[in-house]
Amino acid sequence: MSDPVFGPDGTGYLIAGIRDAQGQDQRSLVALDAAGYARPGWPIEEPPGSDFGSVAVAPDGSVYVVHRLASAGKVEAYKRDGHWWTTVSAVRAFLLAHPPTDADIPKSVPKRKSPKARRPNKP
């Protein structure tokens, strides 16, 4: 089980798993309301051949989860209701989940002084 992350409405998202009768791990992305019940439209089962990784929640409540595949990885985005939204790049997913704030933007950029002209050496 992963550590939970929380959306702006208090919904908790985590990756939970069970072991089936054949000894295979089956993991799901779960959304729990404040009372601990699964929200409608959830859980989302891990696709065959992939492994769920990190989970992040954007300020608008959309959920991003890393799917690690044997050949590569991808980031899937889901709407708050559990419906698949899109596949995004890892950088875009990070920026959507962690938008820059005013504190991240420099107030002013210092001007760079131009180098002084050199005088040619006298022989």
PDB file of N, CA and C in Angstrom:
ATOM      1  N   MET A   1       0.849  -1.168   0.000  1.00  0.00           N
ATOM      2  CA  MET A   1       0.000   0.000   0.000  1.00  0.00           C
ATOM      3  C   MET A   1       0.898   1.235   0.000  1.00  0.00           C
ATOM      4  N   SER A   2       0.484   2.256  -0.732  1.00  0.00           N
ATOM      5  CA  SER A   2       1.256   3.497  -0.800  1.00  0.00           C
ATOM      6  C   SER A   2       0.784   4.474   0.269  1.00  0.00           C
ATOM      7  N   ASP A   3       1.579   5.510   0.493  1.00  0.00           N
ATOM      8  CA  ASP A   3       1.132   6.598   1.355  1.00  0.00           C
ATOM      9  C   ASP A   3       0.030   7.350   0.625  1.00  0.00           C
ATOM     10  N   PRO A   4      -0.989   7.814   1.331  1.00  0.00           N
ATOM     11  CA  PRO A   4      -2.071   8.534   0.655  1.00  0.00           C
ATOM     12  C   PRO A   4      -1.662   9.957   0.284  1.00  0.00           C
ATOM     13  N   VAL A   5      -2.263  10.454  -0.780  1.00  0.00           N
ATOM     14  CA  VAL A   5      -2.179  11.873  -1.132  1.00  0.00           C
ATOM     15  C   VAL A   5      -3.621  12.379  -1.112  1.00  0.00           C
ATOM     16  N   PHE A   6      -3.785  13.667  -0.828  1.00  0.00           N
ATOM     17  CA  PHE A   6      -5.130  14.195  -0.645  1.00  0.00           C
ATOM     18  C   PHE A   6      -5.447  15.276  -1.655  1.00  0.00           C
ATOM     19  N   GLY A   7      -6.678  15.213  -2.185  1.00  0.00           N
ATOM     20  CA  GLY A   7      -7.150  16.216  -3.121  1.00  0.00           C
ATOM     21  C   GLY A   7      -7.681  17.429  -2.373  1.00  0.00           C
ATOM     22  N   PRO A   8      -8.018  18.492  -3.117  1.00  0.00           N
ATOM     23  CA  PRO A   8      -8.495  19.724  -2.495  1.00  0.00           C
ATOM     24  C   PRO A   8      -9.817  19.554  -1.745  1.00  0.00           C
ATOM     25  N   ASP A   9     -10.589  18.527  -2.093  1.00  0.00           N
ATOM     26  CA  ASP A   9     -11.864  18.288  -1.410  1.00  0.00           C
ATOM     27  C   ASP A   9     -11.730  17.299  -0.252  1.00  0.00           C
ATOM     28  N   GLY A  10     -10.488  16.878   0.074  1.00  0.00           N
ATOM     29  CA  GLY A  10     -10.256  15.950   1.170  1.00  0.00           C
ATOM     30  C   GLY A  10     -10.250  14.487   0.778  1.00  0.00           C
ATOM     31  N   THR A  11     -10.508  14.185  -0.498  1.00  0.00           N
ATOM     32  CA  THR A  11     -10.457  12.798  -0.955  1.00  0.00           C
ATOM     33  C   THR A  11      -9.030  12.284  -0.842  1.00  0.00           C
ATOM     34  N   GLY A  12      -8.874  11.073  -0.299  1.00  0.00           N
ATOM     35  CA  GLY A  12      -7.563  10.436  -0.202  1.00  0.00           C
ATOM     36  C   GLY A  12      -7.371   9.455  -1.345  1.00  0.00           C
ATOM     37  N   TYR A  13      -6.201   9.485  -1.961  1.00  0.00           N
ATOM     38  CA  TYR A  13      -5.881   8.588  -3.067  1.00  0.00           C
ATOM     39  C   TYR A  13      -4.669   7.759  -2.668  1.00  0.00           C
ATOM     40  N   LEU A  14      -4.737   6.462  -2.922  1.00  0.00           N
ATOM     41  CA  LEU A  14      -3.607   5.600  -2.621  1.00  0.00           C
ATOM     42  C   LEU A  14      -3.648   4.373  -3.515  1.00  0.00           C
ATOM     43  N   ILE A  15      -2.515   3.695  -3.568  1.00  0.00           N
ATOM     44  CA  ILE A  15      -2.424   2.450  -4.319  1.00  0.00           C
ATOM     45  C   ILE A  15      -2.498   1.325  -3.306  1.00  0.00           C
ATOM     46  N   ALA A  16      -3.483   0.461  -3.466  1.00  0.00           N
ATOM     47  CA  ALA A  16      -3.690  -0.671  -2.561  1.00  0.00           C
ATOM     48  C   ALA A  16      -3.617  -1.951  -3.377  1.00  0.00           C
ATOM     49  N   GLY A  17      -3.222  -3.023  -2.741  1.00  0.00           N
ATOM     50  CA  GLY A  17      -3.103  -4.277  -3.475  1.00  0.00           C
ATOM     51  C   GLY A  17      -3.527  -5.474  -2.658  1.00  0.00           C
ATOM     52  N   ILE A  18      -3.843  -6.537  -3.392  1.00  0.00           N
ATOM     53  CA  ILE A  18      -4.150  -7.827  -2.783  1.00  0.00           C
ATOM     54  C   ILE A  18      -3.366  -8.889  -3.553  1.00  0.00           C
ATOM     55  N   ARG A  19      -3.207 -10.030  -2.963  1.00  0.00           N
ATOM     56  CA  ARG A  19      -2.564 -11.161  -3.640  1.00  0.00           C
ATOM     57  C   ARG A  19      -3.666 -12.164  -3.968  1.00  0.00           C
ATOM     58  N   ASP A  20      -3.761 -12.540  -5.257  1.00  0.00           N
ATOM     59  CA  ASP A  20      -4.819 -13.468  -5.664  1.00  0.00           C
ATOM     60  C   ASP A  20      -4.424 -14.910  -5.313  1.00  0.00           C
ATOM     61  N   ALA A  21      -5.310 -15.856  -5.652  1.00  0.00           N
ATOM     62  CA  ALA A  21      -5.097 -17.268  -5.314  1.00  0.00           C
ATOM     63  C   ALA A  21      -3.843 -17.843  -5.979  1.00  0.00           C
ATOM     64  N   GLN A  22      -3.422 -17.269  -7.115  1.00  0.00           N
ATOM     65  CA  GLN A  22      -2.231 -17.736  -7.810  1.00  0.00           C
ATOM     66  C   GLN A  22      -0.956 -17.057  -7.288  1.00  0.00           C
ATOM     67  N   GLY A  23      -1.096 -16.183  -6.288  1.00  0.00           N
ATOM     68  CA  GLY A  23       0.060 -15.509  -5.715  1.00  0.00           C
ATOM     69  C   GLY A  23       0.486 -14.263  -6.469  1.00  0.00           C
ATOM     70  N   GLN A  24      -0.342 -13.798  -7.387  1.00  0.00           N
ATOM     71  CA  GLN A  24      -0.029 -12.598  -8.160  1.00  0.00           C
ATOM     72  C   GLN A  24      -0.567 -11.361  -7.445  1.00  0.00           C
ATOM     73  N   ASP A  25       0.237 -10.305  -7.438  1.00  0.00           N
ATOM     74  CA  ASP A  25      -0.223  -9.040  -6.857  1.00  0.00           C
ATOM     75  C   ASP A  25      -1.168  -8.346  -7.820  1.00  0.00           C
ATOM     76  N   GLN A  26      -2.287  -7.882  -7.314  1.00  0.00           N
ATOM     77  CA  GLN A  26      -3.232  -7.087  -8.085  1.00  0.00           C
ATOM     78  C   GLN A  26      -3.392  -5.768  -7.353  1.00  0.00           C
ATOM     79  N   ARG A  27      -2.981  -4.689  -8.016  1.00  0.00           N
ATOM     80  CA  ARG A  27      -3.019  -3.378  -7.372  1.00  0.00           C
ATOM     81  C   ARG A  27      -4.038  -2.482  -8.053  1.00  0.00           C
ATOM     82  N   SER A  28      -4.571  -1.554  -7.257  1.00  0.00           N
ATOM     83  CA  SER A  28      -5.566  -0.612  -7.751  1.00  0.00           C
ATOM     84  C   SER A  28      -5.287   0.766  -7.182  1.00  0.00           C
ATOM     85  N   LEU A  29      -5.654   1.777  -7.959  1.00  0.00           N
ATOM     86  CA  LEU A  29      -5.637   3.155  -7.492  1.00  0.00           C
ATOM     87  C   LEU A  29      -7.006   3.413  -6.875  1.00  0.00           C
ATOM     88  N   VAL A  30      -7.021   3.738  -5.586  1.00  0.00           N
ATOM     89  CA  VAL A  30      -8.267   3.853  -4.832  1.00  0.00           C
ATOM     90  C   VAL A  30      -8.477   5.304  -4.418  1.00  0.00           C
ATOM     91  N   ALA A  31      -9.736   5.752  -4.455  1.00  0.00           N
ATOM     92  CA  ALA A  31     -10.115   7.082  -3.959  1.00  0.00           C
ATOM     93  C   ALA A  31     -11.093   6.876  -2.811  1.00  0.00           C
ATOM     94  N   LEU A  32     -10.736   7.423  -1.641  1.00  0.00           N
ATOM     95  CA  LEU A  32     -11.575   7.265  -0.456  1.00  0.00           C
ATOM     96  C   LEU A  32     -12.107   8.614  -0.003  1.00  0.00           C
ATOM     97  N   ASP A  33     -13.405   8.645   0.351  1.00  0.00           N
ATOM     98  CA  ASP A  33     -13.978   9.886   0.878  1.00  0.00           C
ATOM     99  C   ASP A  33     -13.583  10.045   2.349  1.00  0.00           C
ATOM    100  N   ALA A  34     -14.044  11.103   2.980  1.00  0.00           N
ATOM    101  CA  ALA A  34     -13.656  11.406   4.361  1.00  0.00           C
ATOM    102  C   ALA A  34     -14.073  10.310   5.337  1.00  0.00           C
ATOM    103  N   ALA A  35     -15.115   9.548   5.017  1.00  0.00           N
ATOM    104  CA  ALA A  35     -15.572   8.466   5.885  1.00  0.00           C
ATOM    105  C   ALA A  35     -14.824   7.157   5.623  1.00  0.00           C
ATOM    106  N   GLY A  36     -13.943   7.139   4.617  1.00  0.00           N
ATOM    107  CA  GLY A  36     -13.165   5.938   4.317  1.00  0.00           C
ATOM    108  C   GLY A  36     -13.789   5.012   3.303  1.00  0.00           C
ATOM    109  N   TYR A  37     -14.854   5.469   2.617  1.00  0.00           N
ATOM    110  CA  TYR A  37     -15.507   4.648   1.604  1.00  0.00           C
ATOM    111  C   TYR A  37     -14.967   4.983   0.217  1.00  0.00           C
ATOM    112  N   ALA A  38     -14.924   3.960  -0.651  1.00  0.00           N
ATOM    113  CA  ALA A  38     -14.483   4.182  -2.029  1.00  0.00           C
ATOM    114  C   ALA A  38     -15.465   5.109  -2.728  1.00  0.00           C
ATOM    115  N   ARG A  39     -14.909   6.078  -3.439  1.00  0.00           N
ATOM    116  CA  ARG A  39     -15.763   7.016  -4.178  1.00  0.00           C
ATOM    117  C   ARG A  39     -16.299   6.336  -5.428  1.00  0.00           C
ATOM    118  N   PRO A  40     -17.472   6.763  -5.904  1.00  0.00           N
ATOM    119  CA  PRO A  40     -18.024   6.198  -7.139  1.00  0.00           C
ATOM    120  C   PRO A  40     -17.038   6.387  -8.305  1.00  0.00           C
ATOM    121  N   GLY A  41     -16.905   5.349  -9.141  1.00  0.00           N
ATOM    122  CA  GLY A  41     -15.997   5.384 -10.284  1.00  0.00           C
ATOM    123  C   GLY A  41     -14.606   4.859  -9.964  1.00  0.00           C
ATOM    124  N   TRP A  42     -14.359   4.569  -8.702  1.00  0.00           N
ATOM    125  CA  TRP A  42     -13.066   4.059  -8.259  1.00  0.00           C
ATOM    126  C   TRP A  42     -13.282   2.683  -7.652  1.00  0.00           C
ATOM    127  N   PRO A  43     -12.323   1.813  -7.542  1.00  0.00           N
ATOM    128  CA  PRO A  43     -10.908   1.954  -7.865  1.00  0.00           C
ATOM    129  C   PRO A  43     -10.630   1.737  -9.343  1.00  0.00           C
ATOM    130  N   ILE A  44      -9.404   2.066  -9.708  1.00  0.00           N
ATOM    131  CA  ILE A  44      -8.914   1.839 -11.065  1.00  0.00           C
ATOM    132  C   ILE A  44      -7.870   0.735 -10.969  1.00  0.00           C
ATOM    133  N   GLU A  45      -8.119  -0.368 -11.666  1.00  0.00           N
ATOM    134  CA  GLU A  45      -7.202  -1.504 -11.595  1.00  0.00           C
ATOM    135  C   GLU A  45      -5.964  -1.267 -12.439  1.00  0.00           C
ATOM    136  N   GLU A  46      -4.868  -1.778 -11.951  1.00  0.00           N
ATOM    137  CA  GLU A  46      -3.593  -1.689 -12.658  1.00  0.00           C
ATOM    138  C   GLU A  46      -3.674  -2.516 -13.938  1.00  0.00           C
ATOM    139  N   PRO A  47      -3.307  -1.932 -15.092  1.00  0.00           N
ATOM    140  CA  PRO A  47      -3.355  -2.697 -16.336  1.00  0.00           C
ATOM    141  C   PRO A  47      -2.353  -3.852 -16.320  1.00  0.00           C
ATOM    142  N   PRO A  48      -2.659  -4.956 -16.999  1.00  0.00           N
ATOM    143  CA  PRO A  48      -1.714  -6.074 -17.058  1.00  0.00           C
ATOM    144  C   PRO A  48      -0.370  -5.618 -17.643  1.00  0.00           C
ATOM    145  N   GLY A  49       0.703  -6.105 -17.061  1.00  0.00           N
ATOM    146  CA  GLY A  49       2.038  -5.774 -17.571  1.00  0.00           C
ATOM    147  C   GLY A  49       2.584  -4.448 -17.084  1.00  0.00           C
ATOM    148  N   SER A  50       1.863  -3.743 -16.241  1.00  0.00           N
ATOM    149  CA  SER A  50       2.363  -2.469 -15.732  1.00  0.00           C
ATOM    150  C   SER A  50       2.420  -2.516 -14.215  1.00  0.00           C
ATOM    151  N   ASP A  51       3.025  -1.492 -13.660  1.00  0.00           N
ATOM    152  CA  ASP A  51       3.166  -1.390 -12.214  1.00  0.00           C
ATOM    153  C   ASP A  51       2.899   0.059 -11.843  1.00  0.00           C
ATOM    154  N   PHE A  52       1.869   0.278 -11.020  1.00  0.00           N
ATOM    155  CA  PHE A  52       1.582   1.645 -10.597  1.00  0.00           C
ATOM    156  C   PHE A  52       2.749   2.190  -9.800  1.00  0.00           C
ATOM    157  N   GLY A  53       3.063   3.458 -10.036  1.00  0.00           N
ATOM    158  CA  GLY A  53       4.115   4.141  -9.300  1.00  0.00           C
ATOM    159  C   GLY A  53       3.523   5.243  -8.457  1.00  0.00           C
ATOM    160  N   SER A  54       4.138   6.401  -8.506  1.00  0.00           N
ATOM    161  CA  SER A  54       3.730   7.538  -7.685  1.00  0.00           C
ATOM    162  C   SER A  54       2.373   8.092  -8.093  1.00  0.00           C
ATOM    163  N   VAL A  55       1.703   8.712  -7.108  1.00  0.00           N
ATOM    164  CA  VAL A  55       0.408   9.358  -7.330  1.00  0.00           C
ATOM    165  C   VAL A  55       0.534  10.817  -6.917  1.00  0.00           C
ATOM    166  N   ALA A  56      -0.059  11.714  -7.708  1.00  0.00           N
ATOM    167  CA  ALA A  56      -0.101  13.143  -7.370  1.00  0.00           C
ATOM    168  C   ALA A  56      -1.492  13.659  -7.707  1.00  0.00           C
ATOM    169  N   VAL A  57      -1.914  14.684  -6.979  1.00  0.00           N
ATOM    170  CA  VAL A  57      -3.222  15.291  -7.211  1.00  0.00           C
ATOM    171  C   VAL A  57      -3.015  16.770  -7.498  1.00  0.00           C
ATOM    172  N   ALA A  58      -3.627  17.250  -8.563  1.00  0.00           N
ATOM    173  CA  ALA A  58      -3.534  18.658  -8.949  1.00  0.00           C
ATOM    174  C   ALA A  58      -4.545  19.484  -8.153  1.00  0.00           C
ATOM    175  N   PRO A  59      -4.350  20.802  -8.110  1.00  0.00           N
ATOM    176  CA  PRO A  59      -5.295  21.662  -7.391  1.00  0.00           C
ATOM    177  C   PRO A  59      -6.743  21.547  -7.879  1.00  0.00           C
ATOM    178  N   ASP A  60      -6.938  21.172  -9.145  1.00  0.00           N
ATOM    179  CA  ASP A  60      -8.305  21.027  -9.653  1.00  0.00           C
ATOM    180  C   ASP A  60      -8.904  19.658  -9.320  1.00  0.00           C
ATOM    181  N   GLY A  61      -8.142  18.795  -8.624  1.00  0.00           N
ATOM    182  CA  GLY A  61      -8.636  17.488  -8.221  1.00  0.00           C
ATOM    183  C   GLY A  61      -8.326  16.369  -9.191  1.00  0.00           C
ATOM    184  N   SER A  62      -7.730  16.662 -10.355  1.00  0.00           N
ATOM    185  CA  SER A  62      -7.357  15.582 -11.265  1.00  0.00           C
ATOM    186  C   SER A  62      -6.202  14.799 -10.654  1.00  0.00           C
ATOM    187  N   VAL A  63      -6.152  13.514 -10.969  1.00  0.00           N
ATOM    188  CA  VAL A  63      -5.209  12.596 -10.341  1.00  0.00           C
ATOM    189  C   VAL A  63      -4.239  12.073 -11.404  1.00  0.00           C
ATOM    190  N   TYR A  64      -2.963  12.045 -11.064  1.00  0.00           N
ATOM    191  CA  TYR A  64      -1.919  11.578 -11.967  1.00  0.00           C
ATOM    192  C   TYR A  64      -1.227  10.384 -11.341  1.00  0.00           C
ATOM    193  N   VAL A  65      -1.065   9.320 -12.108  1.00  0.00           N
ATOM    194  CA  VAL A  65      -0.396   8.126 -11.605  1.00  0.00           C
ATOM    195  C   VAL A  65       0.603   7.648 -12.660  1.00  0.00           C
ATOM    196  N   VAL A  66       1.770   7.246 -12.194  1.00  0.00           N
ATOM    197  CA  VAL A  66       2.803   6.715 -13.079  1.00  0.00           C
ATOM    198  C   VAL A  66       2.503   5.243 -13.319  1.00  0.00           C
ATOM    199  N   HIS A  67       2.507   4.841 -14.599  1.00  0.00           N
ATOM    200  CA  HIS A  67       2.419   3.434 -14.981  1.00  0.00           C
ATOM    201  C   HIS A  67       3.817   3.036 -15.436  1.00  0.00           C
ATOM    202  N   ARG A  68       4.457   2.183 -14.675  1.00  0.00           N
ATOM    203  CA  ARG A  68       5.762   1.683 -15.097  1.00  0.00           C
ATOM    204  C   ARG A  68       5.524   0.423 -15.909  1.00  0.00           C
ATOM    205  N   LEU A  69       6.009   0.457 -17.147  1.00  0.00           N
ATOM    206  CA  LEU A  69       5.877  -0.678 -18.045  1.00  0.00           C
ATOM    207  C   LEU A  69       7.244  -1.316 -18.218  1.00  0.00           C
ATOM    208  N   ALA A  70       7.265  -2.520 -18.765  1.00  0.00           N
ATOM    209  CA  ALA A  70       8.544  -3.206 -18.965  1.00  0.00           C
ATOM    210  C   ALA A  70       9.468  -2.399 -19.874  1.00  0.00           C
ATOM    211  N   SER A  71       8.910  -1.748 -20.885  1.00  0.00           N
ATOM    212  CA  SER A  71       9.731  -1.032 -21.861  1.00  0.00           C
ATOM    213  C   SER A  71       9.913   0.444 -21.526  1.00  0.00           C
ATOM    214  N   ALA A  72       8.956   1.042 -20.831  1.00  0.00           N
ATOM    215  CA  ALA A  72       9.007   2.484 -20.538  1.00  0.00           C
ATOM    216  C   ALA A  72       7.956   2.801 -19.484  1.00  0.00           C
ATOM    217  N   GLY A  73       7.790   4.065 -19.230  1.00  0.00           N
ATOM    218  CA  GLY A  73       6.767   4.490 -18.289  1.00  0.00           C
ATOM    219  C   GLY A  73       5.911   5.578 -18.909  1.00  0.00           C
ATOM    220  N   LYS A  74       4.765   5.797 -18.319  1.00  0.00           N
ATOM    221  CA  LYS A  74       3.898   6.880 -18.777  1.00  0.00           C
ATOM    222  C   LYS A  74       3.126   7.401 -17.577  1.00  0.00           C
ATOM    223  N   VAL A  75       2.564   8.569 -17.734  1.00  0.00           N
ATOM    224  CA  VAL A  75       1.750   9.163 -16.681  1.00  0.00           C
ATOM    225  C   VAL A  75       0.329   9.275 -17.209  1.00  0.00           C
ATOM    226  N   GLU A  76      -0.592   8.677 -16.482  1.00  0.00           N
ATOM    227  CA  GLU A  76      -2.000   8.728 -16.850  1.00  0.00           C
ATOM    228  C   GLU A  76      -2.704   9.733 -15.952  1.00  0.00           C
ATOM    229  N   ALA A  77      -3.614  10.485 -16.534  1.00  0.00           N
ATOM    230  CA  ALA A  77      -4.394  11.463 -15.762  1.00  0.00           C
ATOM    231  C   ALA A  77      -5.843  11.004 -15.725  1.00  0.00           C
ATOM    232  N   TYR A  78      -6.441  11.114 -14.543  1.00  0.00           N
ATOM    233  CA  TYR A  78      -7.834  10.743 -14.339  1.00  0.00           C
ATOM    234  C   TYR A  78      -8.596  11.923 -13.766  1.00  0.00           C
ATOM    235  N   LYS A  79      -9.842  12.056 -14.182  1.00  0.00           N
ATOM    236  CA  LYS A  79     -10.710  13.092 -13.612  1.00  0.00           C
ATOM    237  C   LYS A  79     -11.103  12.699 -12.195  1.00  0.00           C
ATOM    238  N   ARG A  80     -11.653  13.641 -11.468  1.00  0.00           N
ATOM    239  CA  ARG A  80     -12.048  13.380 -10.073  1.00  0.00           C
ATOM    240  C   ARG A  80     -13.036  12.227  -9.947  1.00  0.00           C
ATOM    241  N   ASP A  81     -13.825  12.000 -11.009  1.00  0.00           N
ATOM    242  CA  ASP A  81     -14.824  10.931 -10.947  1.00  0.00           C
ATOM    243  C   ASP A  81     -14.264   9.562 -11.327  1.00  0.00           C
ATOM    244  N   GLY A  82     -12.948   9.477 -11.569  1.00  0.00           N
ATOM    245  CA  GLY A  82     -12.319   8.201 -11.891  1.00  0.00           C
ATOM    246  C   GLY A  82     -12.253   7.877 -13.362  1.00  0.00           C
ATOM    247  N   HIS A  83     -12.769   8.731 -14.211  1.00  0.00           N
ATOM    248  CA  HIS A  83     -12.692   8.491 -15.649  1.00  0.00           C
ATOM    249  C   HIS A  83     -11.325   8.914 -16.185  1.00  0.00           C
ATOM    250  N   TRP A  84     -10.805   8.071 -17.093  1.00  0.00           N
ATOM    251  CA  TRP A  84      -9.521   8.374 -17.717  1.00  0.00           C
ATOM    252  C   TRP A  84      -9.633   9.693 -18.455  1.00  0.00           C
ATOM    253  N   TRP A  85      -8.598  10.511 -18.351  1.00  0.00           N
ATOM    254  CA  TRP A  85      -8.608  11.826 -18.992  1.00  0.00           C
ATOM    255  C   TRP A  85      -7.622  11.871 -20.138  1.00  0.00           C
ATOM    256  N   THR A  86      -6.345  11.608 -19.852  1.00  0.00           N
ATOM    257  CA  THR A  86      -5.331  11.700 -20.887  1.00  0.00           C
ATOM    258  C   THR A  86      -4.025  11.081 -20.412  1.00  0.00           C
ATOM    259  N   THR A  87      -3.114  10.871 -21.347  1.00  0.00           N
ATOM    260  CA  THR A  87      -1.743  10.476 -21.036  1.00  0.00           C
ATOM    261  C   THR A  87      -0.893  11.715 -21.215  1.00  0.00           C
ATOM    262  N   VAL A  88      -0.064  12.021 -20.239  1.00  0.00           N
ATOM    263  CA  VAL A  88       0.743  13.238 -20.291  1.00  0.00           C
ATOM    264  C   VAL A  88       2.201  12.914 -20.025  1.00  0.00           C
ATOM    265  N   SER A  89       3.059  13.860 -20.386  1.00  0.00           N
ATOM    266  CA  SER A  89       4.473  13.692 -20.087  1.00  0.00           C
ATOM    267  C   SER A  89       4.682  13.860 -18.586  1.00  0.00           C
ATOM    268  N   ALA A  90       5.749  13.295 -18.077  1.00  0.00           N
ATOM    269  CA  ALA A  90       6.037  13.385 -16.648  1.00  0.00           C
ATOM    270  C   ALA A  90       6.236  14.841 -16.220  1.00  0.00           C
ATOM    271  N   VAL A  91       6.874  15.648 -17.056  1.00  0.00           N
ATOM    272  CA  VAL A  91       7.112  17.052 -16.704  1.00  0.00           C
ATOM    273  C   VAL A  91       5.787  17.802 -16.620  1.00  0.00           C
ATOM    274  N   ARG A  92       4.922  17.599 -17.594  1.00  0.00           N
ATOM    275  CA  ARG A  92       3.621  18.285 -17.583  1.00  0.00           C
ATOM    276  C   ARG A  92       2.796  17.850 -16.379  1.00  0.00           C
ATOM    277  N   ALA A  93       2.831  16.570 -16.064  1.00  0.00           N
ATOM    278  CA  ALA A  93       2.081  16.086 -14.909  1.00  0.00           C
ATOM    279  C   ALA A  93       2.590  16.727 -13.627  1.00  0.00           C
ATOM    280  N   PHE A  94       3.901  16.853 -13.500  1.00  0.00           N
ATOM    281  CA  PHE A  94       4.457  17.486 -12.302  1.00  0.00           C
ATOM    282  C   PHE A  94       4.005  18.934 -12.204  1.00  0.00           C
ATOM    283  N   LEU A  95       4.063  19.661 -13.315  1.00  0.00           N
ATOM    284  CA  LEU A  95       3.674  21.068 -13.289  1.00  0.00           C
ATOM    285  C   LEU A  95       2.179  21.244 -13.021  1.00  0.00           C
ATOM    286  N   LEU A  96       1.359  20.326 -13.508  1.00  0.00           N
ATOM    287  CA  LEU A  96      -0.074  20.405 -13.233  1.00  0.00           C
ATOM    288  C   LEU A  96      -0.367  20.092 -11.769  1.00  0.00           C
ATOM    289  N   ALA A  97       0.362  19.152 -11.207  1.00  0.00           N
ATOM    290  CA  ALA A  97       0.138  18.790  -9.810  1.00  0.00           C
ATOM    291  C   ALA A  97       0.779  19.776  -8.841  1.00  0.00           C
ATOM    292  N   HIS A  98       1.821  20.461  -9.299  1.00  0.00           N
ATOM    293  CA  HIS A  98       2.548  21.418  -8.450  1.00  0.00           C
ATOM    294  C   HIS A  98       2.748  22.721  -9.213  1.00  0.00           C
ATOM    295  N   PRO A  99       1.681  23.485  -9.451  1.00  0.00           N
ATOM    296  CA  PRO A  99       1.838  24.720 -10.235  1.00  0.00           C
ATOM    297  C   PRO A  99       2.743  25.708  -9.515  1.00  0.00           C
ATOM    298  N   PRO A 100       3.537  26.470 -10.286  1.00  0.00           N
ATOM    299  CA  PRO A 100       4.412  27.452  -9.640  1.00  0.00           C
ATOM    300  C   PRO A 100       3.589  28.522  -8.931  1.00  0.00           C
ATOM    301  N   THR A 101       4.137  29.019  -7.847  1.00  0.00           N
ATOM    302  CA  THR A 101       3.494  30.101  -7.100  1.00  0.00           C
ATOM    303  C   THR A 101       4.287  31.380  -7.316  1.00  0.00           C
ATOM    304  N   ASP A 102       3.766  32.481  -6.786  1.00  0.00           N
ATOM    305  CA  ASP A 102       4.484  33.748  -6.913  1.00  0.00           C
ATOM    306  C   ASP A 102       5.870  33.668  -6.290  1.00  0.00           C
ATOM    307  N   ALA A 103       6.010  32.848  -5.253  1.00  0.00           N
ATOM    308  CA  ALA A 103       7.310  32.707  -4.594  1.00  0.00           C
ATOM    309  C   ALA A 103       8.340  32.056  -5.517  1.00  0.00           C
ATOM    310  N   ASP A 104       7.873  31.290  -6.515  1.00  0.00           N
ATOM    311  CA  ASP A 104       8.789  30.618  -7.441  1.00  0.00           C
ATOM    312  C   ASP A 104       9.285  31.531  -8.554  1.00  0.00           C
ATOM    313  N   ILE A 105       8.631  32.672  -8.727  1.00  0.00           N
ATOM    314  CA  ILE A 105       8.960  33.570  -9.832  1.00  0.00           C
ATOM    315  C   ILE A 105       9.800  34.719  -9.296  1.00  0.00           C
ATOM    316  N   PRO A 106      10.998  34.926  -9.840  1.00  0.00           N
ATOM    317  CA  PRO A 106      11.826  36.025  -9.331  1.00  0.00           C
ATOM    318  C   PRO A 106      11.148  37.371  -9.550  1.00  0.00           C
ATOM    319  N   LYS A 107      11.287  38.252  -8.564  1.00  0.00           N
ATOM    320  CA  LYS A 107      10.673  39.579  -8.658  1.00  0.00           C
ATOM    321  C   LYS A 107      11.362  40.432  -9.719  1.00  0.00           C
ATOM    322  N   SER A 108      12.652  40.324  -9.765  1.00  0.00           N
ATOM    323  CA  SER A 108      13.393  41.042 -10.800  1.00  0.00           C
ATOM    324  C   SER A 108      14.645  40.255 -11.119  1.00  0.00           C
ATOM    325  N   VAL A 109      15.045  40.363 -12.317  1.00  0.00           N
ATOM    326  CA  VAL A 109      16.263  39.691 -12.746  1.00  0.00           C
ATOM    327  C   VAL A 109      17.351  40.747 -12.806  1.00  0.00           C
ATOM    328  N   PRO A 110      18.433  40.549 -12.045  1.00  0.00           N
ATOM    329  CA  PRO A 110      19.480  41.561 -12.074  1.00  0.00           C
ATOM    330  C   PRO A 110      20.074  41.687 -13.473  1.00  0.00           C
ATOM    331  N   LYS A 111      20.348  42.927 -13.835  1.00  0.00           N
ATOM    332  CA  LYS A 111      20.945  43.152 -15.144  1.00  0.00           C
ATOM    333  C   LYS A 111      22.396  42.715 -15.102  1.00  0.00           C
ATOM    334  N   ARG A 112      22.799  42.142 -16.167  1.00  0.00           N
ATOM    335  CA  ARG A 112      24.172  41.686 -16.273  1.00  0.00           C
ATOM    336  C   ARG A 112      25.014  42.836 -16.797  1.00  0.00           C
ATOM    337  N   LYS A 113      26.093  43.115 -16.092  1.00  0.00           N
ATOM    338  CA  LYS A 113      26.966  44.194 -16.539  1.00  0.00           C
ATOM    339  C   LYS A 113      27.778  43.718 -17.725  1.00  0.00           C
ATOM    340  N   SER A 114      27.911  44.613 -18.668  1.00  0.00           N
ATOM    341  CA  SER A 114      28.717  44.241 -19.820  1.00  0.00           C
ATOM    342  C   SER A 114      30.187  44.312 -19.423  1.00  0.00           C
ATOM    343  N   PRO A 115      30.988  43.398 -19.964  1.00  0.00           N
ATOM    344  CA  PRO A 115      32.403  43.409 -19.607  1.00  0.00           C
ATOM    345  C   PRO A 115      33.065  44.694 -20.108  1.00  0.00           C
ATOM    346  N   LYS A 116      34.039  45.177 -19.337  1.00  0.00           N
ATOM    347  CA  LYS A 116      34.758  46.386 -19.746  1.00  0.00           C
ATOM    348  C   LYS A 116      35.626  46.043 -20.956  1.00  0.00           C
ATOM    349  N   ALA A 117      35.706  47.043 -21.810  1.00  0.00           N
ATOM    350  CA  ALA A 117      36.552  46.855 -22.997  1.00  0.00           C
ATOM    351  C   ALA A 117      38.005  46.780 -22.551  1.00  0.00           C
ATOM    352  N   ARG A 118      38.714  45.859 -23.105  1.00  0.00           N
ATOM    353  CA  ARG A 118      40.132  45.725 -22.769  1.00  0.00           C
ATOM    354  C   ARG A 118      40.969  46.611 -23.675  1.00  0.00           C
ATOM    355  N   ARG A 119      41.949  47.172 -23.052  1.00  0.00           N
ATOM    356  CA  ARG A 119      42.895  47.940 -23.846  1.00  0.00           C
ATOM    357  C   ARG A 119      43.960  46.997 -24.356  1.00  0.00           C
ATOM    358  N   PRO A 120      44.364  47.199 -25.559  1.00  0.00           N
ATOM    359  CA  PRO A 120      45.407  46.330 -26.084  1.00  0.00           C
ATOM    360  C   PRO A 120      46.705  46.535 -25.280  1.00  0.00           C
ATOM    361  N   ASN A 121      47.419  45.451 -25.111  1.00  0.00           N
ATOM    362  CA  ASN A 121      48.717  45.537 -24.416  1.00  0.00           C
ATOM    363  C   ASN A 121      49.703  46.332 -25.244  1.00  0.00           C
ATOM    364  N   LYS A 122      50.462  47.208 -24.537  1.00  0.00           N
ATOM    365  CA  LYS A 122      51.492  47.976 -25.236  1.00  0.00           C
ATOM    366  C   LYS A 122      52.752  47.134 -25.314  1.00  0.00           C
ATOM    367  N   PRO A 123      53.424  47.197 -26.488  1.00  0.00           N
ATOM    368  CA  PRO A 123      54.665  46.400 -26.596  1.00  0.00           C
ATOM    369  C   PRO A 123      55.797  46.976 -25.807  1.00  0.00           C
TER     370      PRO A 123
END
